Amino acid sequence: MSDLTVRVLLVADTHGVLDPRIAELARDCTLAVHAGDVGASDVLDALAAAAGRVLAVRGNNDVETKWRGAPADLIALPESVEVLLPDGVLALEHGHRHPPARRHARLRAAHPGARAVLYGHSHHLLQDVATEPWILNPGAAGRARTGGGPSCLVLDAAVGAWRVCVWQFPALPRGARTSGLTRSAITDLHAGQSTHG
């Protein structure tokens, strides 16, 4: 990784629980971004402790009656954020305001100046990079509806090239901890490639 590369952990849909293997990945990142349904202050604290800096948006389940932790953390969550990175903007929102049938088209229309748009809500890990802005969904980084195991994306943003790596881990039994970090399903995406998952 070049000195001019910013590594960003992309997560969503933790619903109050951040998988420890994903938290470990954040240690190698400059920034962690969360595309909503955070669920708890502990999730934000864990990401900030690992990556040093965290940005998050509010999901449809990030409401006072479901939030665990400091009310000020919930109130501080915006609906959307745009992050300036080397050679482009990463936009993030939860995605629940866009119907599934036209979600990607609507996200692109909502963020025409972005190089990539990160969203959550569906809990489905996918990358739509056929055209810009790329549409990225990291899947669920906690325990709820993970589709086989918690997942996330890691974006390396550099001038001239953005690269996305897909990480998905086997589901852990409740209460289990892991000491090691293994990379299971991995896909590297580069500008001009199209991969759907």
C-alpha atoms as a PDB file:
ATOM      1  CA  MET A   1       0.000   0.000   0.000  1.00  0.00           C
ATOM      2  CA  SER A   2       1.381   3.404  -1.023  1.00  0.00           C
ATOM      3  CA  ASP A   3       1.834   6.253   1.458  1.00  0.00           C
ATOM      4  CA  LEU A   4      -0.811   8.094  -0.563  1.00  0.00           C
ATOM      5  CA  THR A   5      -3.375   5.312  -0.122  1.00  0.00           C
ATOM      6  CA  VAL A   6      -6.172   5.610   2.413  1.00  0.00           C
ATOM      7  CA  ARG A   7      -7.481   2.257   3.664  1.00  0.00           C
ATOM      8  CA  VAL A   8     -11.132   2.366   4.735  1.00  0.00           C
ATOM      9  CA  LEU A   9     -13.147  -0.344   6.474  1.00  0.00           C
ATOM     10  CA  LEU A  10     -16.709  -0.430   5.092  1.00  0.00           C
ATOM     11  CA  VAL A  11     -19.372  -1.977   7.333  1.00  0.00           C
ATOM     12  CA  ALA A  12     -23.134  -1.924   7.848  1.00  0.00           C
ATOM     13  CA  ASP A  13     -25.973  -3.586   9.714  1.00  0.00           C
ATOM     14  CA  THR A  14     -24.278  -4.501  12.981  1.00  0.00           C
ATOM     15  CA  HIS A  15     -27.516  -4.090  14.976  1.00  0.00           C
ATOM     16  CA  GLY A  16     -25.538  -3.609  18.180  1.00  0.00           C
ATOM     17  CA  VAL A  17     -22.909  -6.360  17.669  1.00  0.00           C
ATOM     18  CA  LEU A  18     -19.649  -5.963  15.744  1.00  0.00           C
ATOM     19  CA  ASP A  19     -17.958  -9.246  14.825  1.00  0.00           C
ATOM     20  CA  PRO A  20     -14.520  -9.281  16.526  1.00  0.00           C
ATOM     21  CA  ARG A  21     -12.765 -10.407  13.331  1.00  0.00           C
ATOM     22  CA  ILE A  22     -14.097  -7.344  11.531  1.00  0.00           C
ATOM     23  CA  ALA A  23     -13.034  -5.131  14.440  1.00  0.00           C
ATOM     24  CA  GLU A  24      -9.540  -6.614  14.040  1.00  0.00           C
ATOM     25  CA  LEU A  25      -9.508  -5.642  10.344  1.00  0.00           C
ATOM     26  CA  ALA A  26     -10.156  -2.028  11.361  1.00  0.00           C
ATOM     27  CA  ARG A  27      -6.700  -1.914  13.007  1.00  0.00           C
ATOM     28  CA  ASP A  28      -5.102  -1.785   9.550  1.00  0.00           C
ATOM     29  CA  CYS A  29      -7.397   1.035   8.388  1.00  0.00           C
ATOM     30  CA  THR A  30      -7.159   4.804   8.601  1.00  0.00           C
ATOM     31  CA  LEU A  31     -10.923   5.168   8.766  1.00  0.00           C
ATOM     32  CA  ALA A  32     -13.985   3.022   9.420  1.00  0.00           C
ATOM     33  CA  VAL A  33     -17.345   3.930   7.905  1.00  0.00           C
ATOM     34  CA  HIS A  34     -20.668   2.407   8.909  1.00  0.00           C
ATOM     35  CA  ALA A  35     -23.672   2.526   6.581  1.00  0.00           C
ATOM     36  CA  GLY A  36     -26.318   2.374   9.281  1.00  0.00           C
ATOM     37  CA  ASP A  37     -28.287   0.133  11.606  1.00  0.00           C
ATOM     38  CA  VAL A  38     -25.402   0.594  14.022  1.00  0.00           C
ATOM     39  CA  GLY A  39     -27.529  -0.303  17.048  1.00  0.00           C
ATOM     40  CA  ALA A  40     -25.191   0.614  19.901  1.00  0.00           C
ATOM     41  CA  SER A  41     -22.563   3.057  21.081  1.00  0.00           C
ATOM     42  CA  ASP A  42     -20.262   0.068  21.721  1.00  0.00           C
ATOM     43  CA  VAL A  43     -20.047  -0.571  17.964  1.00  0.00           C
ATOM     44  CA  LEU A  44     -18.915   2.995  17.276  1.00  0.00           C
ATOM     45  CA  ASP A  45     -16.462   2.843  20.198  1.00  0.00           C
ATOM     46  CA  ALA A  46     -14.924  -0.426  18.972  1.00  0.00           C
ATOM     47  CA  LEU A  47     -14.477   0.913  15.437  1.00  0.00           C
ATOM     48  CA  ALA A  48     -12.983   4.177  16.708  1.00  0.00           C
ATOM     49  CA  ALA A  49     -10.590   2.339  19.037  1.00  0.00           C
ATOM     50  CA  ALA A  50      -9.380   0.103  16.203  1.00  0.00           C
ATOM     51  CA  ALA A  51      -9.264   2.513  13.251  1.00  0.00           C
ATOM     52  CA  GLY A  52      -8.808   5.801  15.085  1.00  0.00           C
ATOM     53  CA  ARG A  53     -11.611   7.497  13.186  1.00  0.00           C
ATOM     54  CA  VAL A  54     -15.168   6.407  12.453  1.00  0.00           C
ATOM     55  CA  LEU A  55     -18.005   7.940  10.442  1.00  0.00           C
ATOM     56  CA  ALA A  56     -21.506   6.471  10.518  1.00  0.00           C
ATOM     57  CA  VAL A  57     -24.992   7.205   9.243  1.00  0.00           C
ATOM     58  CA  ARG A  58     -28.379   6.448  10.718  1.00  0.00           C
ATOM     59  CA  GLY A  59     -30.288   3.360   9.631  1.00  0.00           C
ATOM     60  CA  ASN A  60     -34.014   2.735   9.882  1.00  0.00           C
ATOM     61  CA  ASN A  61     -33.418   0.707  13.081  1.00  0.00           C
ATOM     62  CA  ASP A  62     -31.266   3.390  14.678  1.00  0.00           C
ATOM     63  CA  VAL A  63     -34.105   4.755  16.775  1.00  0.00           C
ATOM     64  CA  GLU A  64     -34.347   5.715  20.438  1.00  0.00           C
ATOM     65  CA  THR A  65     -36.394   2.645  21.432  1.00  0.00           C
ATOM     66  CA  LYS A  66     -33.786   0.217  20.010  1.00  0.00           C
ATOM     67  CA  TRP A  67     -30.531   2.105  20.654  1.00  0.00           C
ATOM     68  CA  ARG A  68     -28.149   0.736  23.304  1.00  0.00           C
ATOM     69  CA  GLY A  69     -25.756   3.299  24.697  1.00  0.00           C
ATOM     70  CA  ALA A  70     -25.413   7.060  24.854  1.00  0.00           C
ATOM     71  CA  PRO A  71     -28.388   8.908  23.342  1.00  0.00           C
ATOM     72  CA  ALA A  72     -25.962  11.584  22.092  1.00  0.00           C
ATOM     73  CA  ASP A  73     -24.292   8.979  19.838  1.00  0.00           C
ATOM     74  CA  LEU A  74     -27.625   8.209  18.199  1.00  0.00           C
ATOM     75  CA  ILE A  75     -28.557  11.882  17.807  1.00  0.00           C
ATOM     76  CA  ALA A  76     -25.194  12.573  16.143  1.00  0.00           C
ATOM     77  CA  LEU A  77     -25.834  10.089  13.304  1.00  0.00           C
ATOM     78  CA  PRO A  78     -26.666  11.937  10.048  1.00  0.00           C
ATOM     79  CA  GLU A  79     -28.821  10.529   7.228  1.00  0.00           C
ATOM     80  CA  SER A  80     -25.910  10.613   4.781  1.00  0.00           C
ATOM     81  CA  VAL A  81     -22.226  11.523   4.617  1.00  0.00           C
ATOM     82  CA  GLU A  82     -19.756  12.224   1.832  1.00  0.00           C
ATOM     83  CA  VAL A  83     -16.090  11.444   2.521  1.00  0.00           C
ATOM     84  CA  LEU A  84     -13.348  12.987   0.393  1.00  0.00           C
ATOM     85  CA  LEU A  85     -10.703  10.355  -0.323  1.00  0.00           C
ATOM     86  CA  PRO A  86      -7.758  10.347  -2.743  1.00  0.00           C
ATOM     87  CA  ASP A  87      -9.184  10.643  -6.281  1.00  0.00           C
ATOM     88  CA  GLY A  88     -12.860  10.719  -5.346  1.00  0.00           C
ATOM     89  CA  VAL A  89     -15.742  10.874  -2.933  1.00  0.00           C
ATOM     90  CA  LEU A  90     -17.267   7.973  -1.025  1.00  0.00           C
ATOM     91  CA  ALA A  91     -20.932   8.653  -0.235  1.00  0.00           C
ATOM     92  CA  LEU A  92     -22.786   6.661   2.370  1.00  0.00           C
ATOM     93  CA  GLU A  93     -26.369   6.267   3.428  1.00  0.00           C
ATOM     94  CA  HIS A  94     -28.389   3.368   4.760  1.00  0.00           C
ATOM     95  CA  GLY A  95     -30.416   2.799   1.582  1.00  0.00           C
ATOM     96  CA  HIS A  96     -33.823   2.193   3.173  1.00  0.00           C
ATOM     97  CA  ARG A  97     -35.358   5.237   1.472  1.00  0.00           C
ATOM     98  CA  HIS A  98     -34.890   3.630  -1.958  1.00  0.00           C
ATOM     99  CA  PRO A  99     -37.123   0.730  -3.075  1.00  0.00           C
ATOM    100  CA  PRO A 100     -35.203  -2.475  -3.890  1.00  0.00           C
ATOM    101  CA  ALA A 101     -36.260  -2.648  -7.552  1.00  0.00           C
ATOM    102  CA  ARG A 102     -34.505   0.619  -8.462  1.00  0.00           C
ATOM    103  CA  ARG A 103     -32.207   1.084  -5.485  1.00  0.00           C
ATOM    104  CA  HIS A 104     -28.910   1.217  -7.389  1.00  0.00           C
ATOM    105  CA  ALA A 105     -30.218   3.655 -10.004  1.00  0.00           C
ATOM    106  CA  ARG A 106     -31.652   5.875  -7.282  1.00  0.00           C
ATOM    107  CA  LEU A 107     -28.453   5.778  -5.223  1.00  0.00           C
ATOM    108  CA  ARG A 108     -26.460   6.781  -8.308  1.00  0.00           C
ATOM    109  CA  ALA A 109     -28.893   9.618  -9.002  1.00  0.00           C
ATOM    110  CA  ALA A 110     -28.727  10.783  -5.380  1.00  0.00           C
ATOM    111  CA  HIS A 111     -24.905  10.901  -5.398  1.00  0.00           C
ATOM    112  CA  PRO A 112     -23.827  11.767  -8.969  1.00  0.00           C
ATOM    113  CA  GLY A 113     -20.516  13.319  -7.901  1.00  0.00           C
ATOM    114  CA  ALA A 114     -19.357  10.284  -5.903  1.00  0.00           C
ATOM    115  CA  ARG A 115     -16.908   7.667  -7.102  1.00  0.00           C
ATOM    116  CA  ALA A 116     -18.645   5.054  -4.914  1.00  0.00           C
ATOM    117  CA  VAL A 117     -21.800   4.844  -2.807  1.00  0.00           C
ATOM    118  CA  LEU A 118     -21.879   2.608   0.266  1.00  0.00           C
ATOM    119  CA  TYR A 119     -25.217   1.449   1.601  1.00  0.00           C
ATOM    120  CA  GLY A 120     -26.611  -1.242   3.893  1.00  0.00           C
ATOM    121  CA  HIS A 121     -30.169  -2.194   4.845  1.00  0.00           C
ATOM    122  CA  SER A 122     -30.511  -5.331   2.695  1.00  0.00           C
ATOM    123  CA  HIS A 123     -27.770  -7.276   4.537  1.00  0.00           C
ATOM    124  CA  HIS A 124     -26.686  -8.573   1.094  1.00  0.00           C
ATOM    125  CA  LEU A 125     -22.979  -8.382   0.321  1.00  0.00           C
ATOM    126  CA  LEU A 126     -22.542  -7.040  -3.218  1.00  0.00           C
ATOM    127  CA  GLN A 127     -20.543  -4.797  -5.503  1.00  0.00           C
ATOM    128  CA  ASP A 128     -22.023  -3.161  -8.591  1.00  0.00           C
ATOM    129  CA  VAL A 129     -19.017  -1.597 -10.328  1.00  0.00           C
ATOM    130  CA  ALA A 130     -20.210  -1.671 -13.945  1.00  0.00           C
ATOM    131  CA  THR A 131     -20.452   2.107 -13.930  1.00  0.00           C
ATOM    132  CA  GLU A 132     -19.664   5.009 -11.625  1.00  0.00           C
ATOM    133  CA  PRO A 133     -20.514   5.697  -9.006  1.00  0.00           C
ATOM    134  CA  TRP A 134     -19.872   2.158  -7.838  1.00  0.00           C
ATOM    135  CA  ILE A 135     -22.593   0.786  -5.561  1.00  0.00           C
ATOM    136  CA  LEU A 136     -21.195  -1.169  -2.615  1.00  0.00           C
ATOM    137  CA  ASN A 137     -22.970  -3.099   0.129  1.00  0.00           C
ATOM    138  CA  PRO A 138     -20.727  -4.723   2.756  1.00  0.00           C
ATOM    139  CA  GLY A 139     -23.424  -7.094   4.012  1.00  0.00           C
ATOM    140  CA  ALA A 140     -23.961  -7.442   7.755  1.00  0.00           C
ATOM    141  CA  ALA A 141     -20.982  -7.070  10.127  1.00  0.00           C
ATOM    142  CA  GLY A 142     -22.717  -8.433  13.217  1.00  0.00           C
ATOM    143  CA  ARG A 143     -24.941 -11.442  13.875  1.00  0.00           C
ATOM    144  CA  ALA A 144     -28.285 -10.478  12.347  1.00  0.00           C
ATOM    145  CA  ARG A 145     -29.108 -11.948   8.924  1.00  0.00           C
ATOM    146  CA  THR A 146     -25.490 -12.353   7.825  1.00  0.00           C
ATOM    147  CA  GLY A 147     -26.202 -14.718   4.939  1.00  0.00           C
ATOM    148  CA  GLY A 148     -23.723 -17.350   6.043  1.00  0.00           C
ATOM    149  CA  GLY A 149     -21.392 -15.193   8.087  1.00  0.00           C
ATOM    150  CA  PRO A 150     -20.475 -11.598   8.893  1.00  0.00           C
ATOM    151  CA  SER A 151     -18.871  -9.591   6.121  1.00  0.00           C
ATOM    152  CA  CYS A 152     -17.315  -6.259   5.272  1.00  0.00           C
ATOM    153  CA  LEU A 153     -15.357  -4.514   2.536  1.00  0.00           C
ATOM    154  CA  VAL A 154     -11.953  -2.859   2.692  1.00  0.00           C
ATOM    155  CA  LEU A 155     -11.369   0.009   0.281  1.00  0.00           C
ATOM    156  CA  ASP A 156      -7.860   1.113  -0.672  1.00  0.00           C
ATOM    157  CA  ALA A 157      -8.293   4.568  -2.194  1.00  0.00           C
ATOM    158  CA  ALA A 158      -5.309   5.997  -4.060  1.00  0.00           C
ATOM    159  CA  VAL A 159      -4.938   8.563  -6.813  1.00  0.00           C
ATOM    160  CA  GLY A 160      -5.584   6.718 -10.066  1.00  0.00           C
ATOM    161  CA  ALA A 161      -6.922   3.521  -8.519  1.00  0.00           C
ATOM    162  CA  TRP A 162      -9.481   2.357  -6.000  1.00  0.00           C
ATOM    163  CA  ARG A 163      -9.461  -1.282  -4.942  1.00  0.00           C
ATOM    164  CA  VAL A 164     -12.115  -3.107  -2.898  1.00  0.00           C
ATOM    165  CA  CYS A 165     -11.479  -6.386  -1.067  1.00  0.00           C
ATOM    166  CA  VAL A 166     -14.385  -8.487   0.149  1.00  0.00           C
ATOM    167  CA  TRP A 167     -14.101 -10.246   3.508  1.00  0.00           C
ATOM    168  CA  GLN A 168     -16.623 -12.796   4.770  1.00  0.00           C
ATOM    169  CA  PHE A 169     -16.167 -14.995   7.812  1.00  0.00           C
ATOM    170  CA  PRO A 170     -17.924 -18.154   8.995  1.00  0.00           C
ATOM    171  CA  ALA A 171     -20.713 -17.476  11.467  1.00  0.00           C
ATOM    172  CA  LEU A 172     -19.662 -17.761  15.113  1.00  0.00           C
ATOM    173  CA  PRO A 173     -21.807 -19.455  17.755  1.00  0.00           C
ATOM    174  CA  ARG A 174     -23.315 -16.992  20.212  1.00  0.00           C
ATOM    175  CA  GLY A 175     -20.789 -15.898  22.818  1.00  0.00           C
ATOM    176  CA  ALA A 176     -17.825 -17.305  20.882  1.00  0.00           C
ATOM    177  CA  ARG A 177     -14.638 -15.291  20.478  1.00  0.00           C
ATOM    178  CA  THR A 178     -11.897 -15.682  17.930  1.00  0.00           C
ATOM    179  CA  SER A 179      -8.202 -15.171  18.416  1.00  0.00           C
ATOM    180  CA  GLY A 180      -7.136 -15.524  14.787  1.00  0.00           C
ATOM    181  CA  LEU A 181      -8.087 -13.700  11.647  1.00  0.00           C
ATOM    182  CA  THR A 182      -8.664 -15.649   8.474  1.00  0.00           C
ATOM    183  CA  ARG A 183      -9.729 -14.238   5.167  1.00  0.00           C
ATOM    184  CA  SER A 184     -12.318 -16.484   3.558  1.00  0.00           C
ATOM    185  CA  ALA A 185     -14.220 -15.159   0.539  1.00  0.00           C
ATOM    186  CA  ILE A 186     -12.072 -12.542  -1.146  1.00  0.00           C
ATOM    187  CA  THR A 187     -12.696 -10.530  -4.273  1.00  0.00           C
ATOM    188  CA  ASP A 188     -10.497  -7.672  -5.434  1.00  0.00           C
ATOM    189  CA  LEU A 189     -12.264  -5.045  -7.515  1.00  0.00           C
ATOM    190  CA  HIS A 190     -10.466  -2.506  -9.633  1.00  0.00           C
ATOM    191  CA  ALA A 191     -11.786   0.342 -11.749  1.00  0.00           C
ATOM    192  CA  GLY A 192     -13.368  -1.004 -14.909  1.00  0.00           C
ATOM    193  CA  GLN A 193     -14.254  -4.445 -13.526  1.00  0.00           C
ATOM    194  CA  SER A 194     -17.808  -5.570 -12.938  1.00  0.00           C
ATOM    195  CA  THR A 195     -18.547  -7.998 -10.150  1.00  0.00           C
ATOM    196  CA  HIS A 196     -21.926  -8.703  -8.608  1.00  0.00           C
ATOM    197  CA  GLY A 197     -22.296 -10.747  -5.458  1.00  0.00           C
END
